[in-house]
């Protein structure tokens, strides 16, 4: 775990950038994006759930000037990611985001 999670406040909602989550849990960002997309696909099978309650799609400009995808994770999104993790990384990530 390399850093502290940076919380972004947008319209009264607290979010964490998927790039920061990936860095914090020592996971490649593209692998985290892949996992989040799978979670969203499952969430969308239930008409009573909304994917935006967990993951907000967004983009950023990389160092080369290319537009890349990322997600902003809500508290529910963080819980989803943390619940899928095992061991020390999962415990530390959960403790950091709930704090």
PDB file of N, CA and C in Angstrom:
ATOM      1  N   UNK A   1       0.850  -1.157   0.000  1.00  0.00           N
ATOM      2  CA  UNK A   1       0.000   0.000   0.000  1.00  0.00           C
ATOM      3  C   UNK A   1       0.900   1.224   0.000  1.00  0.00           C
ATOM      4  N   UNK A   2       0.708   2.025  -1.018  1.00  0.00           N
ATOM      5  CA  UNK A   2       1.668   3.088  -1.251  1.00  0.00           C
ATOM      6  C   UNK A   2       1.223   4.470  -0.813  1.00  0.00           C
ATOM      7  N   UNK A   3      -0.053   4.684  -0.599  1.00  0.00           N
ATOM      8  CA  UNK A   3      -0.491   6.055  -0.370  1.00  0.00           C
ATOM      9  C   UNK A   3      -1.734   6.085   0.513  1.00  0.00           C
ATOM     10  N   UNK A   4      -2.144   7.299   0.798  1.00  0.00           N
ATOM     11  CA  UNK A   4      -3.395   7.522   1.500  1.00  0.00           C
ATOM     12  C   UNK A   4      -4.469   7.790   0.451  1.00  0.00           C
ATOM     13  N   UNK A   5      -5.655   7.294   0.684  1.00  0.00           N
ATOM     14  CA  UNK A   5      -6.745   7.520  -0.258  1.00  0.00           C
ATOM     15  C   UNK A   5      -7.163   8.982  -0.236  1.00  0.00           C
ATOM     16  N   UNK A   6      -7.328   9.559  -1.404  1.00  0.00           N
ATOM     17  CA  UNK A   6      -7.765  10.947  -1.522  1.00  0.00           C
ATOM     18  C   UNK A   6      -9.266  10.954  -1.780  1.00  0.00           C
ATOM     19  N   UNK A   7      -9.984  11.594  -0.906  1.00  0.00           N
ATOM     20  CA  UNK A   7     -11.439  11.666  -1.041  1.00  0.00           C
ATOM     21  C   UNK A   7     -11.805  12.936  -1.793  1.00  0.00           C
ATOM     22  N   UNK A   8     -12.680  12.779  -2.780  1.00  0.00           N
ATOM     23  CA  UNK A   8     -13.163  13.892  -3.597  1.00  0.00           C
ATOM     24  C   UNK A   8     -14.611  14.139  -3.199  1.00  0.00           C
ATOM     25  N   UNK A   9     -14.965  15.386  -2.929  1.00  0.00           N
ATOM     26  CA  UNK A   9     -16.362  15.706  -2.638  1.00  0.00           C
ATOM     27  C   UNK A   9     -16.971  16.368  -3.862  1.00  0.00           C
ATOM     28  N   UNK A  10     -18.054  15.778  -4.363  1.00  0.00           N
ATOM     29  CA  UNK A  10     -18.766  16.314  -5.514  1.00  0.00           C
ATOM     30  C   UNK A  10     -20.249  16.307  -5.210  1.00  0.00           C
ATOM     31  N   UNK A  11     -20.841  17.486  -5.181  1.00  0.00           N
ATOM     32  CA  UNK A  11     -22.279  17.617  -4.919  1.00  0.00           C
ATOM     33  C   UNK A  11     -22.699  16.891  -3.642  1.00  0.00           C
ATOM     34  N   UNK A  12     -21.890  17.016  -2.600  1.00  0.00           N
ATOM     35  CA  UNK A  12     -22.218  16.400  -1.329  1.00  0.00           C
ATOM     36  C   UNK A  12     -21.951  14.913  -1.257  1.00  0.00           C
ATOM     37  N   UNK A  13     -21.403  14.336  -2.323  1.00  0.00           N
ATOM     38  CA  UNK A  13     -21.090  12.907  -2.340  1.00  0.00           C
ATOM     39  C   UNK A  13     -19.571  12.738  -2.268  1.00  0.00           C
ATOM     40  N   UNK A  14     -19.131  11.793  -1.458  1.00  0.00           N
ATOM     41  CA  UNK A  14     -17.704  11.529  -1.314  1.00  0.00           C
ATOM     42  C   UNK A  14     -17.310  10.370  -2.222  1.00  0.00           C
ATOM     43  N   UNK A  15     -16.256  10.585  -3.013  1.00  0.00           N
ATOM     44  CA  UNK A  15     -15.831   9.616  -4.019  1.00  0.00           C
ATOM     45  C   UNK A  15     -14.325   9.404  -3.938  1.00  0.00           C
ATOM     46  N   UNK A  16     -13.877   8.249  -4.410  1.00  0.00           N
ATOM     47  CA  UNK A  16     -12.460   7.947  -4.490  1.00  0.00           C
ATOM     48  C   UNK A  16     -12.150   7.497  -5.911  1.00  0.00           C
ATOM     49  N   UNK A  17     -11.103   8.051  -6.487  1.00  0.00           N
ATOM     50  CA  UNK A  17     -10.680   7.756  -7.855  1.00  0.00           C
ATOM     51  C   UNK A  17     -10.146   6.323  -7.934  1.00  0.00           C
ATOM     52  N   UNK A  18     -10.566   5.599  -8.961  1.00  0.00           N
ATOM     53  CA  UNK A  18     -10.120   4.215  -9.131  1.00  0.00           C
ATOM     54  C   UNK A  18      -8.603   4.123  -9.297  1.00  0.00           C
ATOM     55  N   UNK A  19      -7.968   5.156  -9.834  1.00  0.00           N
ATOM     56  CA  UNK A  19      -6.502   5.142  -9.954  1.00  0.00           C
ATOM     57  C   UNK A  19      -5.848   5.137  -8.579  1.00  0.00           C
ATOM     58  N   UNK A  20      -6.424   5.905  -7.646  1.00  0.00           N
ATOM     59  CA  UNK A  20      -5.898   5.925  -6.284  1.00  0.00           C
ATOM     60  C   UNK A  20      -6.153   4.598  -5.578  1.00  0.00           C
ATOM     61  N   UNK A  21      -7.321   4.016  -5.810  1.00  0.00           N
ATOM     62  CA  UNK A  21      -7.637   2.712  -5.216  1.00  0.00           C
ATOM     63  C   UNK A  21      -6.641   1.674  -5.723  1.00  0.00           C
ATOM     64  N   UNK A  22      -6.413   1.650  -7.034  1.00  0.00           N
ATOM     65  CA  UNK A  22      -5.485   0.672  -7.613  1.00  0.00           C
ATOM     66  C   UNK A  22      -4.089   0.821  -7.013  1.00  0.00           C
ATOM     67  N   UNK A  23      -3.631   2.049  -6.886  1.00  0.00           N
ATOM     68  CA  UNK A  23      -2.314   2.285  -6.296  1.00  0.00           C
ATOM     69  C   UNK A  23      -2.292   1.841  -4.839  1.00  0.00           C
ATOM     70  N   UNK A  24      -3.339   2.157  -4.118  1.00  0.00           N
ATOM     71  CA  UNK A  24      -3.397   1.830  -2.696  1.00  0.00           C
ATOM     72  C   UNK A  24      -3.358   0.325  -2.459  1.00  0.00           C
ATOM     73  N   UNK A  25      -4.053  -0.431  -3.302  1.00  0.00           N
ATOM     74  CA  UNK A  25      -4.129  -1.880  -3.103  1.00  0.00           C
ATOM     75  C   UNK A  25      -3.090  -2.635  -3.930  1.00  0.00           C
ATOM     76  N   UNK A  26      -2.158  -1.900  -4.554  1.00  0.00           N
ATOM     77  CA  UNK A  26      -1.098  -2.521  -5.350  1.00  0.00           C
ATOM     78  C   UNK A  26      -1.655  -3.403  -6.470  1.00  0.00           C
ATOM     79  N   UNK A  27      -2.593  -2.846  -7.213  1.00  0.00           N
ATOM     80  CA  UNK A  27      -3.208  -3.570  -8.323  1.00  0.00           C
ATOM     81  C   UNK A  27      -3.102  -2.693  -9.563  1.00  0.00           C
ATOM     82  N   UNK A  28      -2.850  -3.293 -10.684  1.00  0.00           N
ATOM     83  CA  UNK A  28      -2.812  -2.515 -11.923  1.00  0.00           C
ATOM     84  C   UNK A  28      -4.182  -1.893 -12.162  1.00  0.00           C
ATOM     85  N   UNK A  29      -4.181  -0.625 -12.603  1.00  0.00           N
ATOM     86  CA  UNK A  29      -5.443   0.074 -12.799  1.00  0.00           C
ATOM     87  C   UNK A  29      -6.309  -0.621 -13.845  1.00  0.00           C
ATOM     88  N   UNK A  30      -5.718  -1.098 -14.922  1.00  0.00           N
ATOM     89  CA  UNK A  30      -6.520  -1.774 -15.944  1.00  0.00           C
ATOM     90  C   UNK A  30      -7.173  -3.034 -15.397  1.00  0.00           C
ATOM     91  N   UNK A  31      -6.525  -3.697 -14.455  1.00  0.00           N
ATOM     92  CA  UNK A  31      -7.140  -4.882 -13.845  1.00  0.00           C
ATOM     93  C   UNK A  31      -8.298  -4.488 -12.926  1.00  0.00           C
ATOM     94  N   UNK A  32      -8.137  -3.385 -12.197  1.00  0.00           N
ATOM     95  CA  UNK A  32      -9.235  -2.907 -11.363  1.00  0.00           C
ATOM     96  C   UNK A  32     -10.415  -2.477 -12.231  1.00  0.00           C
ATOM     97  N   UNK A  33     -10.139  -1.801 -13.345  1.00  0.00           N
ATOM     98  CA  UNK A  33     -11.218  -1.409 -14.257  1.00  0.00           C
ATOM     99  C   UNK A  33     -11.964  -2.638 -14.770  1.00  0.00           C
ATOM    100  N   UNK A  34     -11.216  -3.675 -15.123  1.00  0.00           N
ATOM    101  CA  UNK A  34     -11.830  -4.921 -15.591  1.00  0.00           C
ATOM    102  C   UNK A  34     -12.763  -5.483 -14.528  1.00  0.00           C
ATOM    103  N   UNK A  35     -12.290  -5.500 -13.267  1.00  0.00           N
ATOM    104  CA  UNK A  35     -13.106  -6.026 -12.174  1.00  0.00           C
ATOM    105  C   UNK A  35     -14.352  -5.179 -11.948  1.00  0.00           C
ATOM    106  N   UNK A  36     -14.187  -3.868 -11.976  1.00  0.00           N
ATOM    107  CA  UNK A  36     -15.332  -2.970 -11.782  1.00  0.00           C
ATOM    108  C   UNK A  36     -16.365  -3.183 -12.879  1.00  0.00           C
ATOM    109  N   UNK A  37     -15.929  -3.346 -14.113  1.00  0.00           N
ATOM    110  CA  UNK A  37     -16.866  -3.594 -15.217  1.00  0.00           C
ATOM    111  C   UNK A  37     -17.656  -4.876 -14.981  1.00  0.00           C
ATOM    112  N   UNK A  38     -16.987  -5.894 -14.441  1.00  0.00           N
ATOM    113  CA  UNK A  38     -17.692  -7.150 -14.116  1.00  0.00           C
ATOM    114  C   UNK A  38     -18.727  -6.918 -13.013  1.00  0.00           C
ATOM    115  N   UNK A  39     -18.354  -6.148 -11.987  1.00  0.00           N
ATOM    116  CA  UNK A  39     -19.305  -5.843 -10.914  1.00  0.00           C
ATOM    117  C   UNK A  39     -20.520  -5.103 -11.472  1.00  0.00           C
ATOM    118  N   UNK A  40     -20.267  -4.135 -12.346  1.00  0.00           N
ATOM    119  CA  UNK A  40     -21.353  -3.358 -12.947  1.00  0.00           C
ATOM    120  C   UNK A  40     -22.275  -4.264 -13.756  1.00  0.00           C
ATOM    121  N   UNK A  41     -21.705  -5.175 -14.535  1.00  0.00           N
ATOM    122  CA  UNK A  41     -22.523  -6.102 -15.323  1.00  0.00           C
ATOM    123  C   UNK A  41     -23.459  -6.915 -14.434  1.00  0.00           C
ATOM    124  N   UNK A  42     -22.963  -7.339 -13.286  1.00  0.00           N
ATOM    125  CA  UNK A  42     -23.797  -8.114 -12.356  1.00  0.00           C
ATOM    126  C   UNK A  42     -24.849  -7.211 -11.717  1.00  0.00           C
ATOM    127  N   UNK A  43     -24.453  -6.031 -11.285  1.00  0.00           N
ATOM    128  CA  UNK A  43     -25.394  -5.088 -10.665  1.00  0.00           C
ATOM    129  C   UNK A  43     -26.549  -4.787 -11.611  1.00  0.00           C
ATOM    130  N   UNK A  44     -26.237  -4.617 -12.891  1.00  0.00           N
ATOM    131  CA  UNK A  44     -27.264  -4.258 -13.871  1.00  0.00           C
ATOM    132  C   UNK A  44     -28.271  -5.374 -14.130  1.00  0.00           C
ATOM    133  N   UNK A  45     -27.988  -6.590 -13.665  1.00  0.00           N
ATOM    134  CA  UNK A  45     -28.962  -7.676 -13.830  1.00  0.00           C
ATOM    135  C   UNK A  45     -30.111  -7.557 -12.833  1.00  0.00           C
ATOM    136  N   UNK A  46     -29.945  -6.697 -11.832  1.00  0.00           N
ATOM    137  CA  UNK A  46     -30.985  -6.499 -10.831  1.00  0.00           C
ATOM    138  C   UNK A  46     -31.612  -5.122 -11.039  1.00  0.00           C
ATOM    139  N   UNK A  47     -32.888  -5.067 -11.442  1.00  0.00           N
ATOM    140  CA  UNK A  47     -33.518  -3.778 -11.714  1.00  0.00           C
ATOM    141  C   UNK A  47     -33.680  -2.891 -10.478  1.00  0.00           C
ATOM    142  N   UNK A  48     -33.480  -3.448  -9.296  1.00  0.00           N
ATOM    143  CA  UNK A  48     -33.595  -2.664  -8.073  1.00  0.00           C
ATOM    144  C   UNK A  48     -32.283  -1.982  -7.672  1.00  0.00           C
ATOM    145  N   UNK A  49     -31.226  -2.267  -8.405  1.00  0.00           N
ATOM    146  CA  UNK A  49     -29.917  -1.687  -8.102  1.00  0.00           C
ATOM    147  C   UNK A  49     -29.485  -0.762  -9.230  1.00  0.00           C
ATOM    148  N   UNK A  50     -28.736   0.249  -8.882  1.00  0.00           N
ATOM    149  CA  UNK A  50     -28.196   1.167  -9.881  1.00  0.00           C
ATOM    150  C   UNK A  50     -26.683   1.183  -9.805  1.00  0.00           C
ATOM    151  N   UNK A  51     -26.022   0.972 -10.916  1.00  0.00           N
ATOM    152  CA  UNK A  51     -24.560   0.933 -10.939  1.00  0.00           C
ATOM    153  C   UNK A  51     -23.950   2.261 -10.501  1.00  0.00           C
ATOM    154  N   UNK A  52     -24.645   3.376 -10.773  1.00  0.00           N
ATOM    155  CA  UNK A  52     -24.114   4.690 -10.398  1.00  0.00           C
ATOM    156  C   UNK A  52     -24.085   4.893  -8.883  1.00  0.00           C
ATOM    157  N   UNK A  53     -24.811   4.067  -8.149  1.00  0.00           N
ATOM    158  CA  UNK A  53     -24.745   4.121  -6.691  1.00  0.00           C
ATOM    159  C   UNK A  53     -23.413   3.565  -6.177  1.00  0.00           C
ATOM    160  N   UNK A  54     -22.690   2.866  -7.061  1.00  0.00           N
ATOM    161  CA  UNK A  54     -21.433   2.235  -6.704  1.00  0.00           C
ATOM    162  C   UNK A  54     -20.240   2.850  -7.443  1.00  0.00           C
ATOM    163  N   UNK A  55     -20.394   2.991  -8.752  1.00  0.00           N
ATOM    164  CA  UNK A  55     -19.287   3.394  -9.613  1.00  0.00           C
ATOM    165  C   UNK A  55     -19.745   4.455 -10.601  1.00  0.00           C
ATOM    166  N   UNK A  56     -19.065   5.591 -10.617  1.00  0.00           N
ATOM    167  CA  UNK A  56     -19.394   6.687 -11.523  1.00  0.00           C
ATOM    168  C   UNK A  56     -18.330   6.719 -12.621  1.00  0.00           C
ATOM    169  N   UNK A  57     -18.719   6.440 -13.880  1.00  0.00           N
ATOM    170  CA  UNK A  57     -17.720   6.456 -14.953  1.00  0.00           C
ATOM    171  C   UNK A  57     -17.213   7.877 -15.199  1.00  0.00           C
ATOM    172  N   UNK A  58     -15.932   7.981 -15.502  1.00  0.00           N
ATOM    173  CA  UNK A  58     -15.320   9.265 -15.757  1.00  0.00           C
ATOM    174  C   UNK A  58     -14.120   9.058 -16.670  1.00  0.00           C
ATOM    175  N   UNK A  59     -13.475  10.141 -17.047  1.00  0.00           N
ATOM    176  CA  UNK A  59     -12.263  10.061 -17.851  1.00  0.00           C
ATOM    177  C   UNK A  59     -11.224  11.028 -17.294  1.00  0.00           C
ATOM    178  N   UNK A  60      -9.995  10.802 -17.681  1.00  0.00           N
ATOM    179  CA  UNK A  60      -8.892  11.693 -17.329  1.00  0.00           C
ATOM    180  C   UNK A  60      -7.933  11.732 -18.507  1.00  0.00           C
ATOM    181  N   UNK A  61      -7.079  12.714 -18.516  1.00  0.00           N
ATOM    182  CA  UNK A  61      -6.084  12.843 -19.573  1.00  0.00           C
ATOM    183  C   UNK A  61      -4.745  12.363 -19.020  1.00  0.00           C
ATOM    184  N   UNK A  62      -4.136  11.373 -19.700  1.00  0.00           N
ATOM    185  CA  UNK A  62      -2.866  10.834 -19.219  1.00  0.00           C
ATOM    186  C   UNK A  62      -1.700  11.739 -19.612  1.00  0.00           C
ATOM    187  N   UNK A  63      -0.501  11.315 -19.261  1.00  0.00           N
ATOM    188  CA  UNK A  63       0.693  12.117 -19.532  1.00  0.00           C
ATOM    189  C   UNK A  63       0.956  12.344 -21.015  1.00  0.00           C
ATOM    190  N   UNK A  64       0.405  11.471 -21.855  1.00  0.00           N
ATOM    191  CA  UNK A  64       0.577  11.597 -23.300  1.00  0.00           C
ATOM    192  C   UNK A  64      -0.540  12.420 -23.937  1.00  0.00           C
ATOM    193  N   UNK A  65      -1.476  12.894 -23.122  1.00  0.00           N
ATOM    194  CA  UNK A  65      -2.592  13.679 -23.631  1.00  0.00           C
ATOM    195  C   UNK A  65      -3.769  12.852 -24.105  1.00  0.00           C
ATOM    196  N   UNK A  66      -3.707  11.532 -23.892  1.00  0.00           N
ATOM    197  CA  UNK A  66      -4.806  10.659 -24.306  1.00  0.00           C
ATOM    198  C   UNK A  66      -5.876  10.606 -23.219  1.00  0.00           C
ATOM    199  N   UNK A  67      -7.115  10.544 -23.642  1.00  0.00           N
ATOM    200  CA  UNK A  67      -8.236  10.435 -22.705  1.00  0.00           C
ATOM    201  C   UNK A  67      -8.405   8.968 -22.341  1.00  0.00           C
ATOM    202  N   UNK A  68      -8.404   8.704 -21.056  1.00  0.00           N
ATOM    203  CA  UNK A  68      -8.497   7.341 -20.534  1.00  0.00           C
ATOM    204  C   UNK A  68      -9.684   7.224 -19.574  1.00  0.00           C
ATOM    205  N   UNK A  69     -10.252   6.024 -19.482  1.00  0.00           N
ATOM    206  CA  UNK A  69     -11.367   5.826 -18.545  1.00  0.00           C
ATOM    207  C   UNK A  69     -10.885   5.577 -17.123  1.00  0.00           C
ATOM    208  N   UNK A  70     -11.697   5.954 -16.191  1.00  0.00           N
ATOM    209  CA  UNK A  70     -11.532   5.581 -14.792  1.00  0.00           C
ATOM    210  C   UNK A  70     -12.899   5.686 -14.140  1.00  0.00           C
ATOM    211  N   UNK A  71     -12.994   5.264 -12.912  1.00  0.00           N
ATOM    212  CA  UNK A  71     -14.245   5.350 -12.163  1.00  0.00           C
ATOM    213  C   UNK A  71     -14.021   6.135 -10.887  1.00  0.00           C
ATOM    214  N   UNK A  72     -15.068   6.769 -10.452  1.00  0.00           N
ATOM    215  CA  UNK A  72     -15.108   7.364  -9.122  1.00  0.00           C
ATOM    216  C   UNK A  72     -15.967   6.428  -8.285  1.00  0.00           C
ATOM    217  N   UNK A  73     -15.411   5.942  -7.208  1.00  0.00           N
ATOM    218  CA  UNK A  73     -16.100   4.967  -6.376  1.00  0.00           C
ATOM    219  C   UNK A  73     -16.809   5.657  -5.223  1.00  0.00           C
ATOM    220  N   UNK A  74     -18.074   5.311  -5.060  1.00  0.00           N
ATOM    221  CA  UNK A  74     -18.831   5.778  -3.903  1.00  0.00           C
ATOM    222  C   UNK A  74     -18.450   4.894  -2.715  1.00  0.00           C
ATOM    223  N   UNK A  75     -19.026   5.185  -1.563  1.00  0.00           N
ATOM    224  CA  UNK A  75     -18.786   4.325  -0.394  1.00  0.00           C
ATOM    225  C   UNK A  75     -19.208   2.894  -0.709  1.00  0.00           C
ATOM    226  N   UNK A  76     -20.354   2.736  -1.373  1.00  0.00           N
ATOM    227  CA  UNK A  76     -20.809   1.395  -1.742  1.00  0.00           C
ATOM    228  C   UNK A  76     -19.827   0.730  -2.694  1.00  0.00           C
ATOM    229  N   UNK A  77     -19.274   1.513  -3.617  1.00  0.00           N
ATOM    230  CA  UNK A  77     -18.289   0.972  -4.556  1.00  0.00           C
ATOM    231  C   UNK A  77     -17.029   0.514  -3.844  1.00  0.00           C
ATOM    232  N   UNK A  78     -16.587   1.309  -2.881  1.00  0.00           N
ATOM    233  CA  UNK A  78     -15.419   0.923  -2.083  1.00  0.00           C
ATOM    234  C   UNK A  78     -15.703  -0.360  -1.315  1.00  0.00           C
ATOM    235  N   UNK A  79     -16.893  -0.452  -0.761  1.00  0.00           N
ATOM    236  CA  UNK A  79     -17.255  -1.662  -0.034  1.00  0.00           C
ATOM    237  C   UNK A  79     -17.282  -2.868  -0.963  1.00  0.00           C
ATOM    238  N   UNK A  80     -17.772  -2.677  -2.180  1.00  0.00           N
ATOM    239  CA  UNK A  80     -17.804  -3.766  -3.163  1.00  0.00           C
ATOM    240  C   UNK A  80     -16.385  -4.249  -3.452  1.00  0.00           C
ATOM    241  N   UNK A  81     -15.486  -3.317  -3.737  1.00  0.00           N
ATOM    242  CA  UNK A  81     -14.102  -3.680  -4.035  1.00  0.00           C
ATOM    243  C   UNK A  81     -13.462  -4.352  -2.819  1.00  0.00           C
ATOM    244  N   UNK A  82     -13.637  -3.769  -1.647  1.00  0.00           N
ATOM    245  CA  UNK A  82     -13.026  -4.310  -0.430  1.00  0.00           C
ATOM    246  C   UNK A  82     -13.545  -5.701  -0.115  1.00  0.00           C
ATOM    247  N   UNK A  83     -14.840  -5.923  -0.308  1.00  0.00           N
ATOM    248  CA  UNK A  83     -15.423  -7.226   0.009  1.00  0.00           C
ATOM    249  C   UNK A  83     -14.925  -8.327  -0.918  1.00  0.00           C
ATOM    250  N   UNK A  84     -14.429  -7.953  -2.078  1.00  0.00           N
ATOM    251  CA  UNK A  84     -13.905  -8.940  -3.021  1.00  0.00           C
ATOM    252  C   UNK A  84     -12.426  -9.228  -2.765  1.00  0.00           C
ATOM    253  N   UNK A  85     -11.806  -8.438  -1.910  1.00  0.00           N
ATOM    254  CA  UNK A  85     -10.390  -8.627  -1.595  1.00  0.00           C
ATOM    255  C   UNK A  85     -10.244  -9.516  -0.372  1.00  0.00           C
ATOM    256  N   UNK A  86      -9.126 -10.202  -0.298  1.00  0.00           N
ATOM    257  CA  UNK A  86      -8.862 -11.040   0.859  1.00  0.00           C
ATOM    258  C   UNK A  86      -7.556 -10.619   1.511  1.00  0.00           C
ATOM    259  N   UNK A  87      -7.369 -11.037   2.708  1.00  0.00           N
ATOM    260  CA  UNK A  87      -6.109 -10.833   3.388  1.00  0.00           C
ATOM    261  C   UNK A  87      -5.872  -9.418   3.866  1.00  0.00           C
ATOM    262  N   UNK A  88      -4.596  -9.136   4.110  1.00  0.00           N
ATOM    263  CA  UNK A  88      -4.182  -7.869   4.695  1.00  0.00           C
ATOM    264  C   UNK A  88      -4.573  -6.671   3.840  1.00  0.00           C
ATOM    265  N   UNK A  89      -4.431  -6.778   2.518  1.00  0.00           N
ATOM    266  CA  UNK A  89      -4.771  -5.651   1.637  1.00  0.00           C
ATOM    267  C   UNK A  89      -6.243  -5.266   1.775  1.00  0.00           C
ATOM    268  N   UNK A  90      -7.106  -6.252   1.813  1.00  0.00           N
ATOM    269  CA  UNK A  90      -8.526  -5.985   1.953  1.00  0.00           C
ATOM    270  C   UNK A  90      -8.860  -5.323   3.280  1.00  0.00           C
ATOM    271  N   UNK A  91      -8.242  -5.808   4.342  1.00  0.00           N
ATOM    272  CA  UNK A  91      -8.481  -5.237   5.671  1.00  0.00           C
ATOM    273  C   UNK A  91      -8.010  -3.789   5.720  1.00  0.00           C
ATOM    274  N   UNK A  92      -6.796  -3.531   5.233  1.00  0.00           N
ATOM    275  CA  UNK A  92      -6.245  -2.178   5.273  1.00  0.00           C
ATOM    276  C   UNK A  92      -7.022  -1.218   4.388  1.00  0.00           C
ATOM    277  N   UNK A  93      -7.422  -1.672   3.194  1.00  0.00           N
ATOM    278  CA  UNK A  93      -8.214  -0.817   2.314  1.00  0.00           C
ATOM    279  C   UNK A  93      -9.540  -0.471   2.976  1.00  0.00           C
ATOM    280  N   UNK A  94     -10.206  -1.465   3.528  1.00  0.00           N
ATOM    281  CA  UNK A  94     -11.490  -1.224   4.195  1.00  0.00           C
ATOM    282  C   UNK A  94     -11.313  -0.239   5.352  1.00  0.00           C
ATOM    283  N   UNK A  95     -10.300  -0.435   6.162  1.00  0.00           N
ATOM    284  CA  UNK A  95     -10.063   0.460   7.305  1.00  0.00           C
ATOM    285  C   UNK A  95      -9.784   1.878   6.847  1.00  0.00           C
ATOM    286  N   UNK A  96      -9.036   2.040   5.763  1.00  0.00           N
ATOM    287  CA  UNK A  96      -8.695   3.373   5.275  1.00  0.00           C
ATOM    288  C   UNK A  96      -9.925   4.099   4.724  1.00  0.00           C
ATOM    289  N   UNK A  97     -10.735   3.425   3.887  1.00  0.00           N
ATOM    290  CA  UNK A  97     -11.864   4.154   3.297  1.00  0.00           C
ATOM    291  C   UNK A  97     -12.959   4.437   4.297  1.00  0.00           C
ATOM    292  N   UNK A  98     -13.166   3.573   5.294  1.00  0.00           N
ATOM    293  CA  UNK A  98     -14.220   3.874   6.271  1.00  0.00           C
ATOM    294  C   UNK A  98     -13.796   4.969   7.233  1.00  0.00           C
ATOM    295  N   UNK A  99     -12.497   5.150   7.350  1.00  0.00           N
ATOM    296  CA  UNK A  99     -11.983   6.224   8.205  1.00  0.00           C
ATOM    297  C   UNK A  99     -12.153   7.544   7.500  1.00  0.00           C
TER     298      UNK A  99
END
